[in-house]
N, C-alpha and C. Protein backbone atom coordinates (compact mmCIF):
# COMPACT_ATOMS: atom_id res chain seq x y z
N MET A 1 35.35 -84.19 -34.51
CA MET A 1 34.27 -83.62 -33.72
C MET A 1 34.27 -82.10 -33.89
N ILE A 2 33.11 -81.57 -34.12
CA ILE A 2 32.96 -80.13 -34.29
C ILE A 2 33.00 -79.46 -32.92
N SER A 3 33.80 -78.42 -32.81
CA SER A 3 33.93 -77.74 -31.51
C SER A 3 32.64 -77.01 -31.13
N LYS A 4 32.49 -76.78 -29.84
CA LYS A 4 31.32 -76.05 -29.34
C LYS A 4 31.29 -74.64 -29.92
N GLU A 5 32.47 -74.06 -30.09
CA GLU A 5 32.56 -72.71 -30.65
C GLU A 5 32.01 -72.68 -32.08
N GLU A 6 32.39 -73.68 -32.88
CA GLU A 6 31.90 -73.76 -34.26
C GLU A 6 30.40 -73.99 -34.29
N VAL A 7 29.91 -74.86 -33.41
CA VAL A 7 28.47 -75.12 -33.33
C VAL A 7 27.73 -73.84 -32.96
N SER A 8 28.28 -73.06 -32.04
CA SER A 8 27.66 -71.79 -31.64
C SER A 8 27.58 -70.82 -32.81
N LYS A 9 28.65 -70.76 -33.60
CA LYS A 9 28.66 -69.88 -34.77
C LYS A 9 27.59 -70.32 -35.77
N LEU A 10 27.50 -71.63 -36.00
CA LEU A 10 26.51 -72.15 -36.94
C LEU A 10 25.09 -71.95 -36.42
N GLU A 11 24.92 -72.04 -35.11
CA GLU A 11 23.61 -71.81 -34.51
C GLU A 11 23.14 -70.38 -34.76
N ILE A 12 24.04 -69.43 -34.64
CA ILE A 12 23.70 -68.02 -34.91
C ILE A 12 23.27 -67.86 -36.37
N ILE A 13 24.01 -68.48 -37.27
CA ILE A 13 23.67 -68.42 -38.70
C ILE A 13 22.30 -69.04 -38.94
N LEU A 14 22.04 -70.19 -38.33
CA LEU A 14 20.75 -70.87 -38.50
C LEU A 14 19.60 -70.03 -37.95
N LYS A 15 19.79 -69.39 -36.82
CA LYS A 15 18.74 -68.55 -36.24
C LYS A 15 18.43 -67.36 -37.13
N ARG A 16 19.46 -66.76 -37.70
CA ARG A 16 19.26 -65.64 -38.62
C ARG A 16 18.51 -66.10 -39.87
N GLU A 17 18.92 -67.26 -40.37
CA GLU A 17 18.27 -67.82 -41.57
C GLU A 17 16.80 -68.14 -41.29
N LYS A 18 16.52 -68.66 -40.12
CA LYS A 18 15.14 -68.98 -39.74
C LYS A 18 14.29 -67.72 -39.74
N LYS A 19 14.79 -66.66 -39.14
CA LYS A 19 14.05 -65.39 -39.11
C LYS A 19 13.83 -64.84 -40.52
N ARG A 20 14.86 -64.92 -41.35
CA ARG A 20 14.77 -64.43 -42.72
C ARG A 20 13.70 -65.20 -43.50
N ILE A 21 13.72 -66.51 -43.38
CA ILE A 21 12.75 -67.34 -44.10
C ILE A 21 11.33 -67.07 -43.61
N GLU A 22 11.17 -67.00 -42.30
CA GLU A 22 9.83 -66.72 -41.74
C GLU A 22 9.29 -65.38 -42.24
N LYS A 23 10.16 -64.39 -42.30
CA LYS A 23 9.76 -63.06 -42.79
C LYS A 23 9.37 -63.14 -44.26
N GLU A 24 10.14 -63.88 -45.05
CA GLU A 24 9.85 -64.00 -46.48
C GLU A 24 8.55 -64.76 -46.72
N ILE A 25 8.32 -65.82 -45.96
CA ILE A 25 7.06 -66.58 -46.08
C ILE A 25 5.88 -65.68 -45.74
N LYS A 26 6.02 -64.92 -44.67
CA LYS A 26 4.94 -64.02 -44.25
C LYS A 26 4.67 -62.98 -45.34
N SER A 27 5.73 -62.45 -45.91
CA SER A 27 5.60 -61.45 -46.97
C SER A 27 4.92 -62.04 -48.20
N LEU A 28 5.33 -63.21 -48.61
CA LEU A 28 4.74 -63.86 -49.78
C LEU A 28 3.31 -64.31 -49.51
N GLY A 29 3.06 -64.73 -48.28
CA GLY A 29 1.72 -65.19 -47.92
C GLY A 29 0.71 -64.08 -47.90
N SER A 30 1.16 -62.85 -47.67
CA SER A 30 0.23 -61.72 -47.60
C SER A 30 0.04 -61.05 -48.95
N THR A 31 0.77 -61.51 -49.96
CA THR A 31 0.64 -60.94 -51.30
C THR A 31 -0.64 -61.42 -51.95
N ASP A 32 -1.42 -60.50 -52.45
CA ASP A 32 -2.65 -60.85 -53.16
C ASP A 32 -2.30 -61.05 -54.63
N MET A 33 -2.24 -62.30 -55.04
CA MET A 33 -1.84 -62.61 -56.41
C MET A 33 -2.81 -62.06 -57.45
N GLY A 34 -4.07 -62.05 -57.14
CA GLY A 34 -5.07 -61.62 -58.11
C GLY A 34 -4.99 -60.14 -58.45
N SER A 35 -4.57 -59.31 -57.54
CA SER A 35 -4.57 -57.87 -57.78
C SER A 35 -3.48 -57.44 -58.76
N ASP A 36 -2.45 -58.25 -58.94
CA ASP A 36 -1.36 -57.89 -59.84
C ASP A 36 -1.61 -58.34 -61.28
N ILE A 37 -2.65 -59.09 -61.49
CA ILE A 37 -2.91 -59.64 -62.82
C ILE A 37 -3.71 -58.63 -63.65
N ASP A 38 -3.22 -58.37 -64.84
CA ASP A 38 -3.91 -57.50 -65.77
C ASP A 38 -5.14 -58.23 -66.30
N HIS A 39 -6.25 -57.54 -66.43
CA HIS A 39 -7.48 -58.17 -66.91
C HIS A 39 -7.31 -58.71 -68.32
N GLY A 40 -6.41 -58.16 -69.09
CA GLY A 40 -6.21 -58.60 -70.46
C GLY A 40 -5.36 -59.86 -70.59
N GLU A 41 -4.67 -60.24 -69.54
CA GLU A 41 -3.81 -61.42 -69.62
C GLU A 41 -4.66 -62.68 -69.62
N GLU A 42 -4.10 -63.72 -70.19
CA GLU A 42 -4.82 -64.98 -70.26
C GLU A 42 -4.85 -65.65 -68.90
N GLU A 43 -5.87 -66.47 -68.72
CA GLU A 43 -6.05 -67.18 -67.46
C GLU A 43 -4.87 -68.11 -67.18
N SER A 44 -4.29 -68.69 -68.23
CA SER A 44 -3.16 -69.60 -68.03
C SER A 44 -1.95 -68.88 -67.44
N ASP A 45 -1.75 -67.63 -67.82
CA ASP A 45 -0.65 -66.84 -67.26
C ASP A 45 -0.87 -66.63 -65.77
N GLU A 46 -2.11 -66.34 -65.39
CA GLU A 46 -2.45 -66.13 -63.98
C GLU A 46 -2.22 -67.42 -63.19
N THR A 47 -2.66 -68.52 -63.74
CA THR A 47 -2.49 -69.81 -63.07
C THR A 47 -1.02 -70.14 -62.90
N GLU A 48 -0.23 -69.90 -63.94
CA GLU A 48 1.21 -70.17 -63.88
C GLU A 48 1.88 -69.34 -62.80
N GLU A 49 1.50 -68.08 -62.69
CA GLU A 49 2.08 -67.20 -61.67
C GLU A 49 1.72 -67.67 -60.27
N ILE A 50 0.48 -68.09 -60.08
CA ILE A 50 0.04 -68.57 -58.77
C ILE A 50 0.78 -69.85 -58.41
N VAL A 51 0.92 -70.77 -59.37
CA VAL A 51 1.63 -72.02 -59.12
C VAL A 51 3.08 -71.74 -58.76
N THR A 52 3.72 -70.82 -59.47
CA THR A 52 5.10 -70.45 -59.18
C THR A 52 5.21 -69.86 -57.78
N HIS A 53 4.29 -68.98 -57.44
CA HIS A 53 4.25 -68.34 -56.12
C HIS A 53 4.11 -69.40 -55.02
N GLU A 54 3.19 -70.33 -55.22
CA GLU A 54 2.98 -71.39 -54.23
C GLU A 54 4.21 -72.30 -54.14
N GLY A 55 4.87 -72.52 -55.27
CA GLY A 55 6.09 -73.33 -55.28
C GLY A 55 7.20 -72.70 -54.47
N VAL A 56 7.33 -71.38 -54.57
CA VAL A 56 8.34 -70.65 -53.80
C VAL A 56 8.04 -70.78 -52.30
N ILE A 57 6.77 -70.60 -51.94
CA ILE A 57 6.39 -70.71 -50.53
C ILE A 57 6.65 -72.13 -50.03
N TYR A 58 6.31 -73.13 -50.83
CA TYR A 58 6.55 -74.52 -50.44
C TYR A 58 8.05 -74.77 -50.21
N SER A 59 8.89 -74.28 -51.12
CA SER A 59 10.34 -74.45 -50.98
C SER A 59 10.87 -73.77 -49.72
N LEU A 60 10.36 -72.58 -49.46
CA LEU A 60 10.79 -71.86 -48.25
C LEU A 60 10.37 -72.61 -46.99
N LYS A 61 9.15 -73.14 -46.98
CA LYS A 61 8.68 -73.89 -45.81
C LYS A 61 9.50 -75.16 -45.62
N ASP A 62 9.89 -75.80 -46.72
CA ASP A 62 10.73 -76.99 -46.65
C ASP A 62 12.08 -76.65 -46.04
N LYS A 63 12.68 -75.56 -46.51
CA LYS A 63 13.97 -75.13 -45.96
C LYS A 63 13.83 -74.72 -44.50
N LEU A 64 12.73 -74.05 -44.16
CA LEU A 64 12.48 -73.67 -42.78
C LEU A 64 12.42 -74.90 -41.88
N GLY A 65 11.81 -75.96 -42.37
CA GLY A 65 11.76 -77.21 -41.61
C GLY A 65 13.15 -77.77 -41.36
N ASP A 66 14.00 -77.73 -42.39
CA ASP A 66 15.38 -78.22 -42.23
C ASP A 66 16.17 -77.37 -41.25
N VAL A 67 15.99 -76.05 -41.32
CA VAL A 67 16.69 -75.14 -40.41
C VAL A 67 16.22 -75.37 -38.97
N SER A 68 14.91 -75.51 -38.80
CA SER A 68 14.36 -75.75 -37.45
C SER A 68 14.85 -77.08 -36.89
N LEU A 69 14.91 -78.09 -37.73
CA LEU A 69 15.42 -79.40 -37.30
C LEU A 69 16.88 -79.30 -36.87
N ALA A 70 17.68 -78.56 -37.64
CA ALA A 70 19.09 -78.37 -37.28
C ALA A 70 19.21 -77.68 -35.92
N LEU A 71 18.38 -76.68 -35.68
CA LEU A 71 18.41 -75.99 -34.39
C LEU A 71 17.98 -76.93 -33.26
N ASP A 72 16.99 -77.77 -33.52
CA ASP A 72 16.57 -78.76 -32.52
C ASP A 72 17.71 -79.73 -32.21
N LYS A 73 18.42 -80.15 -33.26
CA LYS A 73 19.55 -81.07 -33.07
C LYS A 73 20.66 -80.42 -32.25
N ILE A 74 20.89 -79.14 -32.47
CA ILE A 74 21.89 -78.44 -31.66
C ILE A 74 21.49 -78.50 -30.20
N GLY A 75 20.22 -78.22 -29.93
CA GLY A 75 19.72 -78.27 -28.55
C GLY A 75 19.83 -79.65 -27.93
N ALA A 76 19.70 -80.68 -28.75
CA ALA A 76 19.76 -82.06 -28.26
C ALA A 76 21.18 -82.63 -28.25
N GLY A 77 22.14 -81.85 -28.76
CA GLY A 77 23.52 -82.32 -28.82
C GLY A 77 23.77 -83.33 -29.93
N ALA A 78 22.89 -83.34 -30.95
CA ALA A 78 23.02 -84.31 -32.04
C ALA A 78 23.30 -83.64 -33.38
N TYR A 79 23.71 -82.40 -33.35
CA TYR A 79 23.95 -81.65 -34.59
C TYR A 79 25.21 -82.12 -35.28
N GLY A 80 25.14 -82.15 -36.62
CA GLY A 80 26.32 -82.48 -37.41
C GLY A 80 26.53 -83.97 -37.62
N VAL A 81 25.50 -84.78 -37.34
CA VAL A 81 25.59 -86.22 -37.53
C VAL A 81 24.69 -86.61 -38.70
N CYS A 82 25.22 -87.35 -39.65
CA CYS A 82 24.48 -87.78 -40.83
C CYS A 82 23.31 -88.67 -40.43
N GLU A 83 22.14 -88.38 -40.97
CA GLU A 83 20.94 -89.15 -40.65
C GLU A 83 20.96 -90.54 -41.27
N ASP A 84 21.75 -90.74 -42.32
CA ASP A 84 21.79 -92.05 -42.98
C ASP A 84 22.85 -92.98 -42.39
N CYS A 85 24.09 -92.51 -42.34
CA CYS A 85 25.18 -93.40 -41.93
C CYS A 85 25.66 -93.18 -40.50
N GLY A 86 25.26 -92.06 -39.88
CA GLY A 86 25.66 -91.79 -38.50
C GLY A 86 27.04 -91.19 -38.35
N LYS A 87 27.72 -90.93 -39.46
CA LYS A 87 29.04 -90.31 -39.40
C LYS A 87 28.89 -88.80 -39.25
N GLU A 88 29.97 -88.18 -38.83
CA GLU A 88 29.98 -86.72 -38.67
C GLU A 88 29.94 -86.04 -40.03
N ILE A 89 29.12 -85.01 -40.14
CA ILE A 89 29.08 -84.18 -41.35
C ILE A 89 30.25 -83.21 -41.25
N SER A 90 30.98 -83.05 -42.34
CA SER A 90 32.18 -82.20 -42.31
C SER A 90 31.82 -80.76 -41.99
N LEU A 91 32.71 -80.12 -41.27
CA LEU A 91 32.54 -78.71 -40.92
C LEU A 91 32.48 -77.86 -42.18
N ASP A 92 33.27 -78.21 -43.19
CA ASP A 92 33.25 -77.46 -44.45
C ASP A 92 31.86 -77.46 -45.07
N LEU A 93 31.19 -78.61 -45.06
CA LEU A 93 29.84 -78.71 -45.60
C LEU A 93 28.85 -77.93 -44.75
N LEU A 94 28.97 -78.04 -43.44
CA LEU A 94 28.06 -77.33 -42.54
C LEU A 94 28.22 -75.82 -42.65
N LYS A 95 29.42 -75.36 -42.94
CA LYS A 95 29.62 -73.91 -43.12
C LYS A 95 28.90 -73.40 -44.36
N VAL A 96 28.79 -74.26 -45.38
CA VAL A 96 28.11 -73.87 -46.61
C VAL A 96 26.60 -74.07 -46.50
N VAL A 97 26.21 -75.21 -45.93
CA VAL A 97 24.79 -75.56 -45.76
C VAL A 97 24.59 -76.03 -44.32
N PRO A 98 24.43 -75.09 -43.39
CA PRO A 98 24.38 -75.46 -41.97
C PRO A 98 23.20 -76.34 -41.58
N GLU A 99 22.17 -76.40 -42.43
CA GLU A 99 21.03 -77.26 -42.12
C GLU A 99 21.17 -78.66 -42.73
N SER A 100 22.37 -79.00 -43.20
CA SER A 100 22.61 -80.31 -43.81
C SER A 100 22.21 -81.44 -42.89
N ARG A 101 21.52 -82.42 -43.47
CA ARG A 101 21.09 -83.60 -42.72
C ARG A 101 21.92 -84.82 -43.07
N LEU A 102 22.65 -84.73 -44.19
CA LEU A 102 23.44 -85.86 -44.67
C LEU A 102 24.89 -85.44 -44.90
N CYS A 103 25.79 -86.40 -44.73
CA CYS A 103 27.20 -86.14 -45.06
C CYS A 103 27.34 -86.10 -46.58
N LYS A 104 28.48 -85.69 -47.05
CA LYS A 104 28.71 -85.54 -48.48
C LYS A 104 28.49 -86.85 -49.23
N GLU A 105 29.02 -87.94 -48.70
CA GLU A 105 28.92 -89.24 -49.35
C GLU A 105 27.46 -89.69 -49.48
N CYS A 106 26.70 -89.55 -48.41
CA CYS A 106 25.29 -89.97 -48.43
C CYS A 106 24.45 -89.06 -49.32
N LYS A 107 24.80 -87.78 -49.39
CA LYS A 107 24.09 -86.85 -50.26
C LYS A 107 24.33 -87.22 -51.72
N ILE A 108 25.56 -87.58 -52.05
CA ILE A 108 25.89 -88.01 -53.42
C ILE A 108 25.11 -89.28 -53.75
N LYS A 109 25.09 -90.21 -52.82
CA LYS A 109 24.36 -91.47 -53.02
C LYS A 109 22.87 -91.20 -53.22
N GLU A 110 22.32 -90.29 -52.44
CA GLU A 110 20.90 -89.94 -52.56
C GLU A 110 20.59 -89.34 -53.93
N LYS A 111 21.47 -88.46 -54.41
CA LYS A 111 21.27 -87.82 -55.72
C LYS A 111 21.30 -88.85 -56.84
N LYS A 112 22.20 -89.84 -56.73
CA LYS A 112 22.30 -90.88 -57.76
C LYS A 112 21.04 -91.73 -57.81
N GLU A 113 20.40 -91.93 -56.66
CA GLU A 113 19.20 -92.76 -56.59
C GLU A 113 17.96 -92.06 -57.12
N GLU A 114 18.01 -90.74 -57.23
CA GLU A 114 16.84 -89.98 -57.71
C GLU A 114 16.63 -90.12 -59.17
């Protein structure tokens, strides 16, 4: 069982990460992609840059969702429990990826199935 002290430390990390991601999404969302494109560049280059930009925002929003869910679980007293098998997620894993939803074994199994 993860101690309340450890959960509190991880909660602080998650809150900081949430603020950082929100700030980055806001920054990227306010960037005008069209103004940075040289008129001489090909249209495909512009499209590729926009797709990459949107992909970064999508990834950040996905991570933000995981971080927010982890914070919700802390509030509900359900943090650190694997969503697949119901076992406790190791503290070592949570220290590296505090928004983890799966234990190491289930994450490995998920990767093999992909």
